[in-house]
Amino acid sequence: MTASITQAKGAAPKRAAAKPKRSKAFKRENRTGWAFMAPFAILFAFVFLLPIIWAVYSSFFRQVSQGGGLYGGGELVNEFVGFQNFQYVITSGKFWTGVGHVLLYTVIQVPIMIIAALALAMVIDSFVVKHVTGFRLGYFLPYAIPGVVAPIIWVYLYNGQISPIVKGLESIGIHVDFFANNVVLGSMANITTWTFTGYNMLIFLAALQAIPHDLYEAARIDGANGFQVAMKIKLPNVRGAALLAMLLSIVGTIQLFNEPQIMSTADPGISKAYTPMMMAMNTSQGTLTPSGDGPASAIAIVMALIAGLLAVVYTLAERKVNE
């Protein structure tokens, strides 16, 4: 017995099983797959990756005047300034005021939009609504309107001199100013809600239609009514869709730009730094100081980090609640 144990210990380890050689057909299919993916990969790199790399690079530079003597002038050149642009952003009162506007906007607008989208999806998914395709298309149509056109339409509807809404309310004794300081943020939120509710509704509707119908039949056999089916079966099965919709909405509202930028043409009270994205654009165009691509890129990068942080916090909180 001892000899056998010693022999087993001294035995050479077994060689790893040789990996099967890939056939020529497999290699050819692999190359074909990469060839089909190449156009997307190239466009993705040029449209998405390279701009990010360039923004990070330019955020370390700032335009300064070189030459010109005591009376200024001279030539604008890019000078490496390290983290000075980021220091300017973090210590800027205008930037944090804009962040406050965006966060307040997110807290008010996103829950209203998500609840409305979920309610519409559940109504369409119920047996009450007929001709589902028409309703689904009707709710989604506002999202098909280009992002700049929708605020232009609503600026017309908000304008007190020509708006049929304002004139209609005044005819019954209700005076409203959609551009008032304490109302303008809600006016922007209304535009976003009108535009994106249908898009989020489709996310919820897809999740609802993926629920096995056997669950509904079992619930009805057990005597559950429509409300109980909705609360006990439908809502728990759309948590993943709700997480996706919330994350997309949070990231989208952090980039709030179209609504305040268009509304600023009719309301001078909306400053050039009302939101961080407006501040970034006006900084790059030279209407805010320090100007140039460097400070603007720093603003965009800081906002991207804030958006990522908010998304991570929400995801962790949602998982903690669902445990």
Protein backbone atom coordinates (compact mmCIF):
# COMPACT_ATOMS: atom_id res chain seq x y z
CA MET A 1 0.00 0.00 0.00
CA THR A 2 2.88 2.37 0.86
CA ALA A 3 4.56 1.58 -2.41
CA SER A 4 1.43 2.37 -4.36
CA ILE A 5 1.03 5.71 -2.57
CA THR A 6 4.66 6.60 -3.28
CA GLN A 7 4.20 5.64 -6.89
CA ALA A 8 1.08 7.80 -7.11
CA LYS A 9 2.90 10.79 -5.61
CA GLY A 10 5.82 10.42 -7.98
CA ALA A 11 3.65 10.05 -11.04
CA ALA A 12 3.93 12.85 -13.56
CA PRO A 13 0.89 15.19 -13.70
CA LYS A 14 -1.53 14.54 -16.50
CA ARG A 15 -1.26 16.83 -19.48
CA ALA A 16 -4.08 19.23 -20.03
CA ALA A 17 -6.48 18.13 -22.69
CA ALA A 18 -5.48 19.60 -26.00
CA LYS A 19 -7.81 22.30 -27.23
CA PRO A 20 -9.74 21.27 -30.29
CA LYS A 21 -8.50 23.00 -33.39
CA ARG A 22 -10.89 25.44 -34.89
CA SER A 23 -12.07 24.47 -38.31
CA LYS A 24 -11.61 26.65 -41.35
CA ALA A 25 -15.38 27.13 -41.53
CA PHE A 26 -15.45 28.47 -37.95
CA LYS A 27 -12.60 30.89 -38.68
CA ARG A 28 -14.33 32.03 -41.85
CA GLU A 29 -17.59 32.66 -39.96
CA ASN A 30 -15.66 34.54 -37.29
CA ARG A 31 -14.05 36.80 -39.88
CA THR A 32 -17.44 37.36 -41.51
CA GLY A 33 -18.93 38.41 -38.18
CA TRP A 34 -16.13 40.90 -37.56
CA ALA A 35 -16.53 42.23 -41.09
CA PHE A 36 -20.25 42.90 -40.53
CA MET A 37 -19.51 44.58 -37.19
CA ALA A 38 -16.66 46.71 -38.55
CA PRO A 39 -18.83 49.58 -39.96
CA PHE A 40 -20.61 49.99 -36.62
CA ALA A 41 -17.35 49.78 -34.67
CA ILE A 42 -15.72 52.41 -36.87
CA LEU A 43 -18.69 54.77 -36.63
CA PHE A 44 -18.94 54.18 -32.88
CA ALA A 45 -15.28 55.07 -32.47
CA PHE A 46 -15.56 58.26 -34.55
CA VAL A 47 -18.89 59.45 -33.17
CA PHE A 48 -18.58 58.38 -29.52
CA LEU A 49 -15.11 57.32 -28.38
CA LEU A 50 -12.94 59.90 -30.16
CA PRO A 51 -15.06 62.90 -29.01
CA ILE A 52 -14.79 61.67 -25.41
CA ILE A 53 -11.01 61.28 -25.73
CA TRP A 54 -10.75 64.73 -27.31
CA ALA A 55 -12.91 66.29 -24.58
CA VAL A 56 -10.73 64.80 -21.85
CA TYR A 57 -7.60 66.00 -23.64
CA SER A 58 -8.87 69.54 -24.27
CA SER A 59 -10.08 69.90 -20.66
CA PHE A 60 -6.43 70.32 -19.61
CA PHE A 61 -5.92 73.35 -21.88
CA ARG A 62 -7.18 76.91 -21.88
CA GLN A 63 -7.05 79.68 -24.47
CA VAL A 64 -4.77 82.55 -23.43
CA SER A 65 -3.69 85.69 -25.25
CA GLN A 66 -0.06 85.74 -26.27
CA GLY A 67 1.64 88.93 -27.40
CA GLY A 68 -0.03 92.29 -28.00
CA GLY A 69 1.84 94.36 -25.41
CA LEU A 70 0.24 96.46 -22.68
CA TYR A 71 -2.94 97.12 -24.63
CA GLY A 72 -3.95 93.49 -25.07
CA GLY A 73 -4.69 91.92 -28.37
CA GLY A 74 -2.32 89.28 -29.58
CA GLU A 75 -3.01 85.73 -30.63
CA LEU A 76 -5.11 83.19 -28.74
CA VAL A 77 -3.20 79.99 -28.09
CA ASN A 78 -4.00 76.86 -26.14
CA GLU A 79 -1.94 76.60 -22.98
CA PHE A 80 -1.68 73.53 -20.76
CA VAL A 81 -3.21 74.45 -17.39
CA GLY A 82 -3.52 71.04 -15.74
CA PHE A 83 -6.57 70.78 -13.49
CA GLN A 84 -7.31 74.52 -13.41
CA ASN A 85 -10.40 74.12 -15.59
CA PHE A 86 -11.79 71.50 -13.21
CA GLN A 87 -10.95 73.74 -10.26
CA TYR A 88 -12.87 76.57 -11.94
CA VAL A 89 -15.91 74.31 -12.48
CA ILE A 90 -15.97 72.91 -8.94
CA THR A 91 -15.61 76.35 -7.35
CA SER A 92 -18.05 78.13 -9.69
CA GLY A 93 -21.24 79.35 -8.07
CA LYS A 94 -22.95 79.52 -11.48
CA PHE A 95 -22.19 75.86 -12.10
CA TRP A 96 -23.64 74.66 -8.79
CA THR A 97 -26.70 76.88 -9.22
CA GLY A 98 -27.26 75.18 -12.57
CA VAL A 99 -26.77 71.77 -10.96
CA GLY A 100 -29.40 72.74 -8.38
CA HIS A 101 -31.85 73.60 -11.17
CA VAL A 102 -31.21 70.24 -12.84
CA LEU A 103 -31.54 68.22 -9.61
CA LEU A 104 -34.79 69.97 -8.67
CA TYR A 105 -36.02 69.39 -12.20
CA THR A 106 -35.12 65.68 -11.95
CA VAL A 107 -36.83 65.22 -8.58
CA ILE A 108 -40.06 66.76 -9.89
CA GLN A 109 -40.19 65.62 -13.51
CA VAL A 110 -38.83 62.06 -13.53
CA PRO A 111 -41.27 60.50 -11.01
CA ILE A 112 -44.27 62.16 -12.70
CA MET A 113 -43.16 60.93 -16.12
CA ILE A 114 -42.39 57.37 -14.96
CA ILE A 115 -45.72 57.04 -13.11
CA ALA A 116 -47.61 58.39 -16.13
CA ALA A 117 -45.77 56.04 -18.49
CA LEU A 118 -46.45 53.04 -16.25
CA ALA A 119 -50.13 53.95 -15.93
CA LEU A 120 -50.53 54.30 -19.71
CA ALA A 121 -48.75 50.98 -20.30
CA MET A 122 -50.97 49.15 -17.83
CA VAL A 123 -54.11 50.66 -19.35
CA ILE A 124 -53.06 49.64 -22.86
CA ASP A 125 -52.09 46.15 -21.65
CA SER A 126 -55.49 45.67 -20.02
CA PHE A 127 -58.57 44.24 -21.68
CA VAL A 128 -60.37 47.58 -21.46
CA VAL A 129 -58.58 49.26 -24.38
CA LYS A 130 -59.27 48.14 -27.93
CA HIS A 131 -57.23 49.11 -31.01
CA VAL A 132 -54.00 49.07 -28.99
CA THR A 133 -51.82 49.98 -31.99
CA GLY A 134 -53.51 53.37 -32.40
CA PHE A 135 -53.12 54.30 -28.75
CA ARG A 136 -49.51 53.10 -28.68
CA LEU A 137 -48.64 55.11 -31.77
CA GLY A 138 -50.47 58.18 -30.48
CA TYR A 139 -48.60 58.19 -27.17
CA PHE A 140 -45.26 57.64 -28.92
CA LEU A 141 -45.69 60.36 -31.57
CA PRO A 142 -44.41 63.25 -29.39
CA TYR A 143 -41.09 61.40 -29.04
CA ALA A 144 -40.80 61.31 -32.85
CA ILE A 145 -40.79 65.11 -32.95
CA PRO A 146 -37.19 66.43 -33.11
CA GLY A 147 -35.82 67.57 -29.77
CA VAL A 148 -35.60 71.24 -30.77
CA VAL A 149 -39.03 71.42 -32.41
CA ALA A 150 -40.97 70.35 -29.31
CA PRO A 151 -39.71 73.28 -27.15
CA ILE A 152 -40.46 75.68 -30.02
CA ILE A 153 -44.06 74.43 -30.13
CA TRP A 154 -44.46 74.84 -26.38
CA VAL A 155 -42.85 78.30 -26.33
CA TYR A 156 -45.64 79.33 -28.69
CA LEU A 157 -48.21 77.74 -26.37
CA TYR A 158 -46.64 79.48 -23.35
CA ASN A 159 -46.46 82.93 -24.96
CA GLY A 160 -49.06 85.12 -23.27
CA GLN A 161 -49.72 87.26 -26.35
CA ILE A 162 -50.52 84.50 -28.84
CA SER A 163 -51.05 81.34 -26.76
CA PRO A 164 -54.54 79.81 -27.07
CA ILE A 165 -53.98 78.17 -23.66
CA VAL A 166 -53.20 81.44 -21.89
CA LYS A 167 -56.05 83.29 -23.62
CA GLY A 168 -58.46 80.46 -22.85
CA LEU A 169 -57.55 80.53 -19.15
CA GLU A 170 -57.83 84.32 -19.06
CA SER A 171 -61.33 84.10 -20.49
CA ILE A 172 -62.43 82.22 -17.36
CA GLY A 173 -60.54 84.52 -15.02
CA ILE A 174 -57.34 82.51 -14.53
CA HIS A 175 -54.14 84.48 -15.17
CA VAL A 176 -51.00 82.38 -15.57
CA ASP A 177 -47.46 83.25 -16.61
CA PHE A 178 -45.57 80.18 -17.76
CA PHE A 179 -42.31 82.17 -17.73
CA ALA A 180 -42.56 83.34 -14.11
CA ASN A 181 -39.51 82.56 -11.98
CA ASN A 182 -41.38 80.08 -9.80
CA VAL A 183 -43.13 78.43 -12.76
CA VAL A 184 -40.55 78.28 -15.55
CA LEU A 185 -38.92 75.08 -14.29
CA GLY A 186 -42.33 73.38 -14.26
CA SER A 187 -42.93 74.63 -17.80
CA MET A 188 -39.72 72.94 -18.90
CA ALA A 189 -40.68 69.76 -17.05
CA ASN A 190 -44.01 69.72 -18.88
CA ILE A 191 -42.22 69.76 -22.25
CA THR A 192 -39.97 66.84 -21.31
CA THR A 193 -42.85 64.86 -19.83
CA TRP A 194 -44.96 65.40 -22.95
CA THR A 195 -42.05 64.30 -25.17
CA PHE A 196 -40.70 61.25 -23.34
CA THR A 197 -43.69 59.68 -21.58
CA GLY A 198 -44.58 57.67 -24.69
CA TYR A 199 -41.03 56.41 -25.03
CA ASN A 200 -40.97 55.13 -21.45
CA MET A 201 -44.47 53.74 -21.91
CA LEU A 202 -43.12 51.43 -24.63
CA ILE A 203 -40.44 50.14 -22.24
CA PHE A 204 -43.09 49.24 -19.67
CA LEU A 205 -45.43 47.83 -22.30
CA ALA A 206 -42.72 45.50 -23.60
CA ALA A 207 -42.09 44.25 -20.05
CA LEU A 208 -45.81 43.72 -19.44
CA GLN A 209 -46.27 41.78 -22.66
CA ALA A 210 -43.36 39.50 -21.72
CA ILE A 211 -45.18 38.27 -18.59
CA PRO A 212 -46.45 34.68 -19.11
CA HIS A 213 -50.24 34.66 -19.51
CA ASP A 214 -50.39 31.50 -17.41
CA LEU A 215 -49.90 33.71 -14.35
CA TYR A 216 -52.99 35.74 -15.25
CA GLU A 217 -55.09 32.64 -15.78
CA ALA A 218 -53.96 31.12 -12.47
CA ALA A 219 -54.75 34.37 -10.66
CA ARG A 220 -58.24 34.57 -12.16
CA ILE A 221 -58.92 30.95 -11.24
CA ASP A 222 -57.98 31.86 -7.65
CA GLY A 223 -60.56 34.67 -7.77
CA ALA A 224 -58.27 37.68 -8.28
CA ASN A 225 -59.85 40.74 -9.88
CA GLY A 226 -58.20 43.07 -12.38
CA PHE A 227 -56.79 45.41 -9.73
CA GLN A 228 -55.26 42.54 -7.77
CA VAL A 229 -53.70 41.12 -10.95
CA ALA A 230 -52.16 44.51 -11.68
CA MET A 231 -50.78 44.98 -8.15
CA LYS A 232 -49.63 41.42 -7.45
CA ILE A 233 -48.45 40.23 -10.84
CA LYS A 234 -47.85 43.10 -13.24
CA LEU A 235 -46.08 45.59 -10.98
CA PRO A 236 -43.55 43.12 -9.50
CA ASN A 237 -42.64 41.94 -13.01
CA VAL A 238 -41.82 45.39 -14.37
CA ARG A 239 -39.18 46.31 -11.80
CA GLY A 240 -36.40 45.72 -14.32
CA ALA A 241 -38.11 47.97 -16.85
CA ALA A 242 -38.67 50.60 -14.16
CA LEU A 243 -34.95 50.55 -13.32
CA LEU A 244 -34.04 50.99 -16.99
CA ALA A 245 -36.53 53.82 -17.48
CA MET A 246 -35.38 55.61 -14.33
CA LEU A 247 -31.70 55.34 -15.26
CA LEU A 248 -32.33 56.65 -18.78
CA SER A 249 -34.45 59.47 -17.41
CA ILE A 250 -31.90 60.50 -14.79
CA VAL A 251 -29.08 60.55 -17.32
CA GLY A 252 -31.29 62.44 -19.78
CA THR A 253 -32.42 65.14 -17.36
CA ILE A 254 -28.86 65.74 -16.18
CA GLN A 255 -28.17 66.79 -19.79
CA LEU A 256 -31.09 69.26 -19.79
CA PHE A 257 -30.40 71.72 -22.61
CA ASN A 258 -33.02 72.02 -25.37
CA GLU A 259 -35.89 73.26 -23.21
CA PRO A 260 -34.11 76.08 -21.34
CA GLN A 261 -32.09 77.09 -24.40
CA ILE A 262 -35.19 77.53 -26.59
CA MET A 263 -37.23 79.11 -23.80
CA SER A 264 -34.45 81.63 -23.13
CA THR A 265 -35.28 83.24 -26.49
CA ALA A 266 -38.67 84.24 -25.06
CA ASP A 267 -37.62 84.71 -21.43
CA PRO A 268 -34.54 86.87 -20.78
CA GLY A 269 -34.66 85.73 -17.13
CA ILE A 270 -33.19 82.36 -18.14
CA SER A 271 -29.46 83.01 -17.89
CA LYS A 272 -26.72 81.60 -20.11
CA ALA A 273 -25.68 79.34 -17.22
CA TYR A 274 -29.18 78.23 -16.20
CA THR A 275 -28.13 74.59 -16.61
CA PRO A 276 -24.61 73.15 -16.78
CA MET A 277 -25.06 72.15 -20.43
CA MET A 278 -26.08 75.72 -21.34
CA MET A 279 -23.07 76.93 -19.39
CA ALA A 280 -20.82 74.54 -21.35
CA MET A 281 -22.15 75.68 -24.73
CA ASN A 282 -21.94 79.40 -23.94
CA THR A 283 -18.47 78.91 -22.49
CA SER A 284 -17.28 77.21 -25.68
CA GLN A 285 -18.79 80.04 -27.78
CA GLY A 286 -17.05 82.70 -25.73
CA THR A 287 -20.10 84.37 -24.17
CA LEU A 288 -19.00 83.28 -20.68
CA THR A 289 -15.56 83.54 -19.14
CA PRO A 290 -13.24 81.74 -19.01
CA SER A 291 -14.13 80.80 -22.56
CA GLY A 292 -12.98 78.13 -24.94
CA ASP A 293 -13.19 74.39 -25.42
CA GLY A 294 -11.11 73.60 -22.33
CA PRO A 295 -13.45 74.96 -19.62
CA ALA A 296 -16.49 73.74 -21.60
CA SER A 297 -15.05 70.22 -21.75
CA ALA A 298 -14.35 70.32 -18.02
CA ILE A 299 -18.00 71.24 -17.34
CA ALA A 300 -19.21 68.36 -19.52
CA ILE A 301 -16.88 65.84 -17.84
CA VAL A 302 -17.90 66.90 -14.33
CA MET A 303 -21.58 66.57 -15.30
CA ALA A 304 -20.92 63.12 -16.77
CA LEU A 305 -19.35 62.07 -13.46
CA ILE A 306 -22.33 63.46 -11.53
CA ALA A 307 -24.75 61.60 -13.83
CA GLY A 308 -22.82 58.37 -13.37
CA LEU A 309 -22.75 58.83 -9.61
CA LEU A 310 -26.51 59.44 -9.46
CA ALA A 311 -27.15 56.37 -11.62
CA VAL A 312 -24.99 54.18 -9.36
CA VAL A 313 -26.66 55.54 -6.19
CA TYR A 314 -30.12 54.90 -7.60
CA THR A 315 -29.19 51.38 -8.72
CA LEU A 316 -27.77 50.45 -5.32
CA ALA A 317 -30.76 51.96 -3.52
CA GLU A 318 -33.20 50.10 -5.78
CA ARG A 319 -31.42 46.80 -5.20
CA LYS A 320 -31.39 47.40 -1.44
CA VAL A 321 -35.12 48.05 -1.41
CA ASN A 322 -35.87 44.92 -3.48
CA GLU A 323 -33.74 42.58 -1.34
